[in-house]
Amino acid sequence: EDFSLTTEQYWVLADSYIDVLATTTQKVRP
């Protein structure tokens, strides 16, 4: 299931040919 981590959160540049099994969303901070 969805799970939490405290570590580096990767912002990744990717193409649409990958099959995405999980994602992470970078929030907007001040």
Full PDB file with SEQRES, HELIX, SHEET, SSBOND, CRYST1, ORIGX, SCALE, CONECT and MASTER records, all heavy atoms in Angstrom:
SEQRES   1 A   30  GLU ASP PHE SER LEU THR THR GLU GLN TYR TRP VAL LEU          
SEQRES   2 A   30  ALA ASP SER TYR ILE ASP VAL LEU ALA THR THR THR GLN          
SEQRES   3 A   30  LYS VAL ARG PRO                                              
CRYST1    1.000    1.000    1.000  90.00  90.00  90.00 P 1           1          
ORIGX1      1.000000  0.000000  0.000000        0.00000                         
ORIGX2      0.000000  1.000000  0.000000        0.00000                         
ORIGX3      0.000000  0.000000  1.000000        0.00000                         
SCALE1      1.000000  0.000000  0.000000        0.00000                         
SCALE2      0.000000  1.000000  0.000000        0.00000                         
SCALE3      0.000000  0.000000  1.000000        0.00000                         
ATOM      1  N   GLU A   1       0.842  -1.189   0.000  1.00  0.00           N  
ATOM      2  CA  GLU A   1       0.000   0.000   0.000  1.00  0.00           C  
ATOM      3  C   GLU A   1       0.885   1.249   0.000  1.00  0.00           C  
ATOM      4  O   GLU A   1       2.111   1.163   0.141  1.00  0.00           O  
ATOM      5  CB  GLU A   1      -0.915  -0.004   1.231  1.00  0.00           C  
ATOM      6  CG  GLU A   1      -1.825  -1.221   1.331  1.00  0.00           C  
ATOM      7  CD  GLU A   1      -2.838  -1.305   0.198  1.00  0.00           C  
ATOM      8  OE1 GLU A   1      -3.213  -0.231  -0.332  1.00  0.00           O  
ATOM      9  OE2 GLU A   1      -3.246  -2.435  -0.151  1.00  0.00           O  
ATOM     10  N   ASP A   2       0.262   2.400  -0.179  1.00  0.00           N  
ATOM     11  CA  ASP A   2       1.011   3.645  -0.092  1.00  0.00           C  
ATOM     12  C   ASP A   2       1.813   3.670   1.214  1.00  0.00           C  
ATOM     13  O   ASP A   2       1.323   3.233   2.258  1.00  0.00           O  
ATOM     14  CB  ASP A   2       0.071   4.845  -0.118  1.00  0.00           C  
ATOM     15  CG  ASP A   2      -0.738   4.944  -1.415  1.00  0.00           C  
ATOM     16  OD1 ASP A   2      -0.468   4.165  -2.345  1.00  0.00           O  
ATOM     17  OD2 ASP A   2      -1.630   5.801  -1.468  1.00  0.00           O  
ATOM     18  N   PHE A   3       3.040   4.177   1.151  1.00  0.00           N  
ATOM     19  CA  PHE A   3       3.866   4.209   2.360  1.00  0.00           C  
ATOM     20  C   PHE A   3       4.688   5.493   2.401  1.00  0.00           C  
ATOM     21  O   PHE A   3       4.902   6.151   1.383  1.00  0.00           O  
ATOM     22  CB  PHE A   3       4.760   2.970   2.461  1.00  0.00           C  
ATOM     23  CG  PHE A   3       5.745   2.799   1.324  1.00  0.00           C  
ATOM     24  CD1 PHE A   3       7.058   3.250   1.444  1.00  0.00           C  
ATOM     25  CD2 PHE A   3       5.374   2.155   0.154  1.00  0.00           C  
ATOM     26  CE1 PHE A   3       7.976   3.073   0.410  1.00  0.00           C  
ATOM     27  CE2 PHE A   3       6.282   1.971  -0.892  1.00  0.00           C  
ATOM     28  CZ  PHE A   3       7.588   2.432  -0.757  1.00  0.00           C  
ATOM     29  N   SER A   4       5.142   5.830   3.594  1.00  0.00           N  
ATOM     30  CA  SER A   4       5.867   7.076   3.814  1.00  0.00           C  
ATOM     31  C   SER A   4       7.342   6.819   4.086  1.00  0.00           C  
ATOM     32  O   SER A   4       7.718   5.805   4.682  1.00  0.00           O  
ATOM     33  CB  SER A   4       5.252   7.840   4.992  1.00  0.00           C  
ATOM     34  OG  SER A   4       3.916   8.206   4.709  1.00  0.00           O  
ATOM     35  N   LEU A   5       8.167   7.760   3.640  1.00  0.00           N  
ATOM     36  CA  LEU A   5       9.605   7.730   3.883  1.00  0.00           C  
ATOM     37  C   LEU A   5      10.064   9.131   4.279  1.00  0.00           C  
ATOM     38  O   LEU A   5       9.409  10.124   3.930  1.00  0.00           O  
ATOM     39  CB  LEU A   5      10.360   7.304   2.618  1.00  0.00           C  
ATOM     40  CG  LEU A   5      10.135   5.900   2.076  1.00  0.00           C  
ATOM     41  CD1 LEU A   5      10.765   5.765   0.697  1.00  0.00           C  
ATOM     42  CD2 LEU A   5      10.698   4.852   3.019  1.00  0.00           C  
ATOM     43  N   THR A   6      11.195   9.212   4.962  1.00  0.00           N  
ATOM     44  CA  THR A   6      11.879  10.480   5.157  1.00  0.00           C  
ATOM     45  C   THR A   6      13.290  10.309   4.631  1.00  0.00           C  
ATOM     46  O   THR A   6      14.152   9.705   5.281  1.00  0.00           O  
ATOM     47  CB  THR A   6      11.899  10.898   6.639  1.00  0.00           C  
ATOM     48  OG1 THR A   6      10.546  11.058   7.093  1.00  0.00           O  
ATOM     49  CG2 THR A   6      12.634  12.223   6.811  1.00  0.00           C  
ATOM     50  N   THR A   7      13.503  10.792   3.422  1.00  0.00           N  
ATOM     51  CA  THR A   7      14.773  10.632   2.723  1.00  0.00           C  
ATOM     52  C   THR A   7      14.724  11.545   1.504  1.00  0.00           C  
ATOM     53  O   THR A   7      13.855  12.414   1.416  1.00  0.00           O  
ATOM     54  CB  THR A   7      14.991   9.158   2.324  1.00  0.00           C  
ATOM     55  OG1 THR A   7      16.265   9.026   1.667  1.00  0.00           O  
ATOM     56  CG2 THR A   7      13.903   8.651   1.395  1.00  0.00           C  
ATOM     57  N   GLU A   8      15.647  11.376   0.581  1.00  0.00           N  
ATOM     58  CA  GLU A   8      15.596  12.170  -0.636  1.00  0.00           C  
ATOM     59  C   GLU A   8      14.364  11.821  -1.463  1.00  0.00           C  
ATOM     60  O   GLU A   8      14.096  10.642  -1.709  1.00  0.00           O  
ATOM     61  CB  GLU A   8      16.848  11.939  -1.475  1.00  0.00           C  
ATOM     62  CG  GLU A   8      18.111  12.495  -0.853  1.00  0.00           C  
ATOM     63  CD  GLU A   8      19.314  12.313  -1.742  1.00  0.00           C  
ATOM     64  OE1 GLU A   8      19.253  11.542  -2.722  1.00  0.00           O  
ATOM     65  OE2 GLU A   8      20.336  12.941  -1.449  1.00  0.00           O  
ATOM     66  N   GLN A   9      13.649  12.829  -1.889  1.00  0.00           N  
ATOM     67  CA  GLN A   9      12.483  12.659  -2.749  1.00  0.00           C  
ATOM     68  C   GLN A   9      12.890  13.053  -4.168  1.00  0.00           C  
ATOM     69  O   GLN A   9      13.131  14.219  -4.447  1.00  0.00           O  
ATOM     70  CB  GLN A   9      11.322  13.529  -2.270  1.00  0.00           C  
ATOM     71  CG  GLN A   9      10.045  13.358  -3.088  1.00  0.00           C  
ATOM     72  CD  GLN A   9       8.940  14.285  -2.617  1.00  0.00           C  
ATOM     73  OE1 GLN A   9       9.195  15.305  -1.985  1.00  0.00           O  
ATOM     74  NE2 GLN A   9       7.706  13.939  -2.923  1.00  0.00           N  
ATOM     75  N   TYR A  10      12.967  12.088  -5.054  1.00  0.00           N  
ATOM     76  CA  TYR A  10      13.466  12.349  -6.404  1.00  0.00           C  
ATOM     77  C   TYR A  10      12.425  13.034  -7.285  1.00  0.00           C  
ATOM     78  O   TYR A  10      11.308  12.535  -7.453  1.00  0.00           O  
ATOM     79  CB  TYR A  10      13.895  11.037  -7.061  1.00  0.00           C  
ATOM     80  CG  TYR A  10      15.374  10.735  -6.969  1.00  0.00           C  
ATOM     81  CD1 TYR A  10      16.164  11.290  -5.969  1.00  0.00           C  
ATOM     82  CD2 TYR A  10      15.987   9.892  -7.887  1.00  0.00           C  
ATOM     83  CE1 TYR A  10      17.516  11.010  -5.886  1.00  0.00           C  
ATOM     84  CE2 TYR A  10      17.336   9.605  -7.815  1.00  0.00           C  
ATOM     85  CZ  TYR A  10      18.103  10.171  -6.812  1.00  0.00           C  
ATOM     86  OH  TYR A  10      19.447   9.896  -6.730  1.00  0.00           O  
ATOM     87  N   TRP A  11      12.823  14.149  -7.836  1.00  0.00           N  
ATOM     88  CA  TRP A  11      12.103  14.793  -8.946  1.00  0.00           C  
ATOM     89  C   TRP A  11      12.737  14.223 -10.202  1.00  0.00           C  
ATOM     90  O   TRP A  11      13.918  14.394 -10.445  1.00  0.00           O  
ATOM     91  CB  TRP A  11      12.292  16.303  -8.853  1.00  0.00           C  
ATOM     92  CG  TRP A  11      11.585  17.146  -9.874  1.00  0.00           C  
ATOM     93  CD1 TRP A  11      11.448  16.907 -11.213  1.00  0.00           C  
ATOM     94  CD2 TRP A  11      10.945  18.420  -9.634  1.00  0.00           C  
ATOM     95  NE1 TRP A  11      10.776  17.929 -11.818  1.00  0.00           N  
ATOM     96  CE2 TRP A  11      10.451  18.876 -10.872  1.00  0.00           C  
ATOM     97  CE3 TRP A  11      10.762  19.192  -8.505  1.00  0.00           C  
ATOM     98  CZ2 TRP A  11       9.778  20.089 -11.011  1.00  0.00           C  
ATOM     99  CZ3 TRP A  11      10.093  20.403  -8.637  1.00  0.00           C  
ATOM    100  CH2 TRP A  11       9.599  20.844  -9.869  1.00  0.00           C  
ATOM    101  N   VAL A  12      11.948  13.517 -10.998  1.00  0.00           N  
ATOM    102  CA  VAL A  12      12.470  12.754 -12.131  1.00  0.00           C  
ATOM    103  C   VAL A  12      11.902  13.300 -13.442  1.00  0.00           C  
ATOM    104  O   VAL A  12      10.700  13.584 -13.546  1.00  0.00           O  
ATOM    105  CB  VAL A  12      12.100  11.260 -11.996  1.00  0.00           C  
ATOM    106  CG1 VAL A  12      12.462  10.486 -13.254  1.00  0.00           C  
ATOM    107  CG2 VAL A  12      12.815  10.657 -10.788  1.00  0.00           C  
ATOM    108  N   LEU A  13      12.757  13.449 -14.432  1.00  0.00           N  
ATOM    109  CA  LEU A  13      12.330  13.763 -15.789  1.00  0.00           C  
ATOM    110  C   LEU A  13      12.171  12.443 -16.525  1.00  0.00           C  
ATOM    111  O   LEU A  13      13.116  11.653 -16.605  1.00  0.00           O  
ATOM    112  CB  LEU A  13      13.370  14.645 -16.485  1.00  0.00           C  
ATOM    113  CG  LEU A  13      13.778  15.925 -15.740  1.00  0.00           C  
ATOM    114  CD1 LEU A  13      14.815  16.694 -16.550  1.00  0.00           C  
ATOM    115  CD2 LEU A  13      12.571  16.790 -15.429  1.00  0.00           C  
ATOM    116  N   ALA A  14      10.976  12.177 -17.043  1.00  0.00           N  
ATOM    117  CA  ALA A  14      10.679  10.852 -17.596  1.00  0.00           C  
ATOM    118  C   ALA A  14       9.859  10.966 -18.876  1.00  0.00           C  
ATOM    119  O   ALA A  14       9.242  12.004 -19.150  1.00  0.00           O  
ATOM    120  CB  ALA A  14       9.929  10.011 -16.568  1.00  0.00           C  
ATOM    121  N   ASP A  15       9.826   9.864 -19.637  1.00  0.00           N  
ATOM    122  CA  ASP A  15       8.987   9.835 -20.832  1.00  0.00           C  
ATOM    123  C   ASP A  15       7.762   8.964 -20.574  1.00  0.00           C  
ATOM    124  O   ASP A  15       7.629   8.320 -19.531  1.00  0.00           O  
ATOM    125  CB  ASP A  15       9.779   9.376 -22.060  1.00  0.00           C  
ATOM    126  CG  ASP A  15      10.278   7.935 -21.973  1.00  0.00           C  
ATOM    127  OD1 ASP A  15       9.551   7.071 -21.426  1.00  0.00           O  
ATOM    128  OD2 ASP A  15      11.380   7.656 -22.478  1.00  0.00           O  
ATOM    129  N   SER A  16       6.869   8.924 -21.549  1.00  0.00           N  
ATOM    130  CA  SER A  16       5.594   8.220 -21.366  1.00  0.00           C  
ATOM    131  C   SER A  16       5.681   6.737 -21.706  1.00  0.00           C  
ATOM    132  O   SER A  16       4.683   6.024 -21.594  1.00  0.00           O  
ATOM    133  CB  SER A  16       4.509   8.869 -22.229  1.00  0.00           C  
ATOM    134  OG  SER A  16       4.846   8.789 -23.604  1.00  0.00           O  
ATOM    135  N   TYR A  17       6.862   6.254 -22.083  1.00  0.00           N  
ATOM    136  CA  TYR A  17       7.000   4.844 -22.416  1.00  0.00           C  
ATOM    137  C   TYR A  17       7.260   3.986 -21.176  1.00  0.00           C  
ATOM    138  O   TYR A  17       7.199   2.765 -21.241  1.00  0.00           O  
ATOM    139  CB  TYR A  17       8.122   4.649 -23.452  1.00  0.00           C  
ATOM    140  CG  TYR A  17       8.267   3.223 -23.919  1.00  0.00           C  
ATOM    141  CD1 TYR A  17       7.216   2.571 -24.569  1.00  0.00           C  
ATOM    142  CD2 TYR A  17       9.433   2.502 -23.683  1.00  0.00           C  
ATOM    143  CE1 TYR A  17       7.338   1.253 -24.975  1.00  0.00           C  
ATOM    144  CE2 TYR A  17       9.561   1.187 -24.088  1.00  0.00           C  
ATOM    145  CZ  TYR A  17       8.506   0.569 -24.727  1.00  0.00           C  
ATOM    146  OH  TYR A  17       8.629  -0.748 -25.123  1.00  0.00           O  
ATOM    147  N   ILE A  18       7.559   4.594 -20.042  1.00  0.00           N  
ATOM    148  CA  ILE A  18       7.731   3.799 -18.826  1.00  0.00           C  
ATOM    149  C   ILE A  18       6.362   3.387 -18.281  1.00  0.00           C  
ATOM    150  O   ILE A  18       5.362   4.081 -18.472  1.00  0.00           O  
ATOM    151  CB  ILE A  18       8.533   4.550 -17.748  1.00  0.00           C  
ATOM    152  CG1 ILE A  18       7.819   5.828 -17.301  1.00  0.00           C  
ATOM    153  CG2 ILE A  18       9.939   4.854 -18.237  1.00  0.00           C  
ATOM    154  CD1 ILE A  18       8.505   6.533 -16.144  1.00  0.00           C  
ATOM    155  N   ASP A  19       6.335   2.243 -17.605  1.00  0.00           N  
ATOM    156  CA  ASP A  19       5.130   1.775 -16.918  1.00  0.00           C  
ATOM    157  C   ASP A  19       5.298   2.129 -15.440  1.00  0.00           C  
ATOM    158  O   ASP A  19       6.117   1.535 -14.736  1.00  0.00           O  
ATOM    159  CB  ASP A  19       4.955   0.269 -17.096  1.00  0.00           C  
ATOM    160  CG  ASP A  19       4.656  -0.099 -18.548  1.00  0.00           C  
ATOM    161  OD1 ASP A  19       3.918   0.653 -19.201  1.00  0.00           O  
ATOM    162  OD2 ASP A  19       5.178  -1.130 -19.022  1.00  0.00           O  
ATOM    163  N   VAL A  20       4.524   3.101 -14.987  1.00  0.00           N  
ATOM    164  CA  VAL A  20       4.702   3.669 -13.654  1.00  0.00           C  
ATOM    165  C   VAL A  20       3.932   2.848 -12.632  1.00  0.00           C  
ATOM    166  O   VAL A  20       2.700   2.775 -12.668  1.00  0.00           O  
ATOM    167  CB  VAL A  20       4.250   5.136 -13.628  1.00  0.00           C  
ATOM    168  CG1 VAL A  20       4.420   5.706 -12.224  1.00  0.00           C  
ATOM    169  CG2 VAL A  20       5.039   5.964 -14.643  1.00  0.00           C  
ATOM    170  N   LEU A  21       4.659   2.227 -11.707  1.00  0.00           N  
ATOM    171  CA  LEU A  21       4.052   1.397 -10.672  1.00  0.00           C  
ATOM    172  C   LEU A  21       3.783   2.170  -9.391  1.00  0.00           C  
ATOM    173  O   LEU A  21       2.942   1.764  -8.591  1.00  0.00           O  
ATOM    174  CB  LEU A  21       4.943   0.188 -10.373  1.00  0.00           C  
ATOM    175  CG  LEU A  21       5.361  -0.671 -11.568  1.00  0.00           C  
ATOM    176  CD1 LEU A  21       6.101  -1.913 -11.084  1.00  0.00           C  
ATOM    177  CD2 LEU A  21       4.180  -1.055 -12.433  1.00  0.00           C  
ATOM    178  N   ALA A  22       4.498   3.277  -9.184  1.00  0.00           N  
ATOM    179  CA  ALA A  22       4.280   4.125  -8.013  1.00  0.00           C  
ATOM    180  C   ALA A  22       4.790   5.521  -8.325  1.00  0.00           C  
ATOM    181  O   ALA A  22       5.699   5.699  -9.147  1.00  0.00           O  
ATOM    182  CB  ALA A  22       4.978   3.563  -6.779  1.00  0.00           C  
ATOM    183  N   THR A  23       4.225   6.510  -7.650  1.00  0.00           N  
ATOM    184  CA  THR A  23       4.592   7.903  -7.867  1.00  0.00           C  
ATOM    185  C   THR A  23       4.862   8.590  -6.529  1.00  0.00           C  
ATOM    186  O   THR A  23       4.552   8.064  -5.456  1.00  0.00           O  
ATOM    187  CB  THR A  23       3.469   8.676  -8.582  1.00  0.00           C  
ATOM    188  OG1 THR A  23       2.300   8.683  -7.745  1.00  0.00           O  
ATOM    189  CG2 THR A  23       3.136   8.051  -9.927  1.00  0.00           C  
ATOM    190  N   THR A  24       5.419   9.775  -6.606  1.00  0.00           N  
ATOM    191  CA  THR A  24       5.538  10.648  -5.443  1.00  0.00           C  
ATOM    192  C   THR A  24       5.306  12.079  -5.910  1.00  0.00           C  
ATOM    193  O   THR A  24       5.725  12.454  -7.011  1.00  0.00           O  
ATOM    194  CB  THR A  24       6.908  10.503  -4.760  1.00  0.00           C  
ATOM    195  OG1 THR A  24       6.943  11.310  -3.595  1.00  0.00           O  
ATOM    196  CG2 THR A  24       8.046  10.887  -5.677  1.00  0.00           C  
ATOM    197  N   THR A  25       4.638  12.858  -5.094  1.00  0.00           N  
ATOM    198  CA  THR A  25       4.271  14.218  -5.479  1.00  0.00           C  
ATOM    199  C   THR A  25       5.036  15.237  -4.650  1.00  0.00           C  
ATOM    200  O   THR A  25       4.971  15.229  -3.416  1.00  0.00           O  
ATOM    201  CB  THR A  25       2.757  14.436  -5.317  1.00  0.00           C  
ATOM    202  OG1 THR A  25       2.073  13.533  -6.199  1.00  0.00           O  
ATOM    203  CG2 THR A  25       2.377  15.867  -5.681  1.00  0.00           C  
ATOM    204  N   GLN A  26       5.764  16.088  -5.360  1.00  0.00           N  
ATOM    205  CA  GLN A  26       6.495  17.174  -4.722  1.00  0.00           C  
ATOM    206  C   GLN A  26       5.534  18.329  -4.445  1.00  0.00           C  
ATOM    207  O   GLN A  26       4.934  18.875  -5.370  1.00  0.00           O  
ATOM    208  CB  GLN A  26       7.643  17.636  -5.621  1.00  0.00           C  
ATOM    209  CG  GLN A  26       8.369  18.870  -5.119  1.00  0.00           C  
ATOM    210  CD  GLN A  26       9.049  18.624  -3.793  1.00  0.00           C  
ATOM    211  OE1 GLN A  26       9.806  17.666  -3.646  1.00  0.00           O  
ATOM    212  NE2 GLN A  26       8.784  19.483  -2.824  1.00  0.00           N  
ATOM    213  N   LYS A  27       5.378  18.664  -3.192  1.00  0.00           N  
ATOM    214  CA  LYS A  27       4.485  19.752  -2.805  1.00  0.00           C  
ATOM    215  C   LYS A  27       5.124  21.100  -3.125  1.00  0.00           C  
ATOM    216  O   LYS A  27       6.314  21.200  -3.427  1.00  0.00           O  
ATOM    217  CB  LYS A  27       4.156  19.673  -1.319  1.00  0.00           C  
ATOM    218  CG  LYS A  27       3.577  18.341  -0.876  1.00  0.00           C  
ATOM    219  CD  LYS A  27       2.254  18.033  -1.565  1.00  0.00           C  
ATOM    220  CE  LYS A  27       1.660  16.732  -1.042  1.00  0.00           C  
ATOM    221  NZ  LYS A  27       0.386  16.397  -1.725  1.00  0.00           N  
ATOM    222  N   VAL A  28       4.341  22.147  -3.026  1.00  0.00           N  
ATOM    223  CA  VAL A  28       4.842  23.506  -3.171  1.00  0.00           C  
ATOM    224  C   VAL A  28       4.975  24.110  -1.773  1.00  0.00           C  
ATOM    225  O   VAL A  28       3.989  24.234  -1.046  1.00  0.00           O  
ATOM    226  CB  VAL A  28       3.895  24.362  -4.033  1.00  0.00           C  
ATOM    227  CG1 VAL A  28       4.460  25.768  -4.192  1.00  0.00           C  
ATOM    228  CG2 VAL A  28       3.665  23.715  -5.388  1.00  0.00           C  
ATOM    229  N   ARG A  29       6.209  24.414  -1.397  1.00  0.00           N  
ATOM    230  CA  ARG A  29       6.464  25.039  -0.109  1.00  0.00           C  
ATOM    231  C   ARG A  29       6.713  26.540  -0.300  1.00  0.00           C  
ATOM    232  O   ARG A  29       7.016  26.969  -1.417  1.00  0.00           O  
ATOM    233  CB  ARG A  29       7.669  24.396   0.582  1.00  0.00           C  
ATOM    234  CG  ARG A  29       7.459  22.943   1.066  1.00  0.00           C  
ATOM    235  CD  ARG A  29       7.716  21.907  -0.037  1.00  0.00           C  
ATOM    236  NE  ARG A  29       8.995  22.063  -0.690  1.00  0.00           N  
ATOM    237  CZ  ARG A  29      10.148  21.520  -0.243  1.00  0.00           C  
ATOM    238  NH1 ARG A  29      10.137  20.753   0.820  1.00  0.00           N  
ATOM    239  NH2 ARG A  29      11.272  21.710  -0.885  1.00  0.00           N  
ATOM    240  N   PRO A  30       6.611  27.352   0.733  1.00  0.00           N  
ATOM    241  CA  PRO A  30       6.742  28.802   0.557  1.00  0.00           C  
ATOM    242  C   PRO A  30       8.052  29.235  -0.100  1.00  0.00           C  
ATOM    243  O   PRO A  30       8.093  30.265  -0.783  1.00  0.00           O  
ATOM    244  CB  PRO A  30       6.651  29.333   1.999  1.00  0.00           C  
ATOM    245  CG  PRO A  30       5.845  28.318   2.724  1.00  0.00           C  
ATOM    246  CD  PRO A  30       6.221  26.996   2.129  1.00  0.00           C  
TER     247      PRO A  30                                                      
MASTER        0    0    0    0    0    0    0    6  246    1    0    3          
END                                                                             
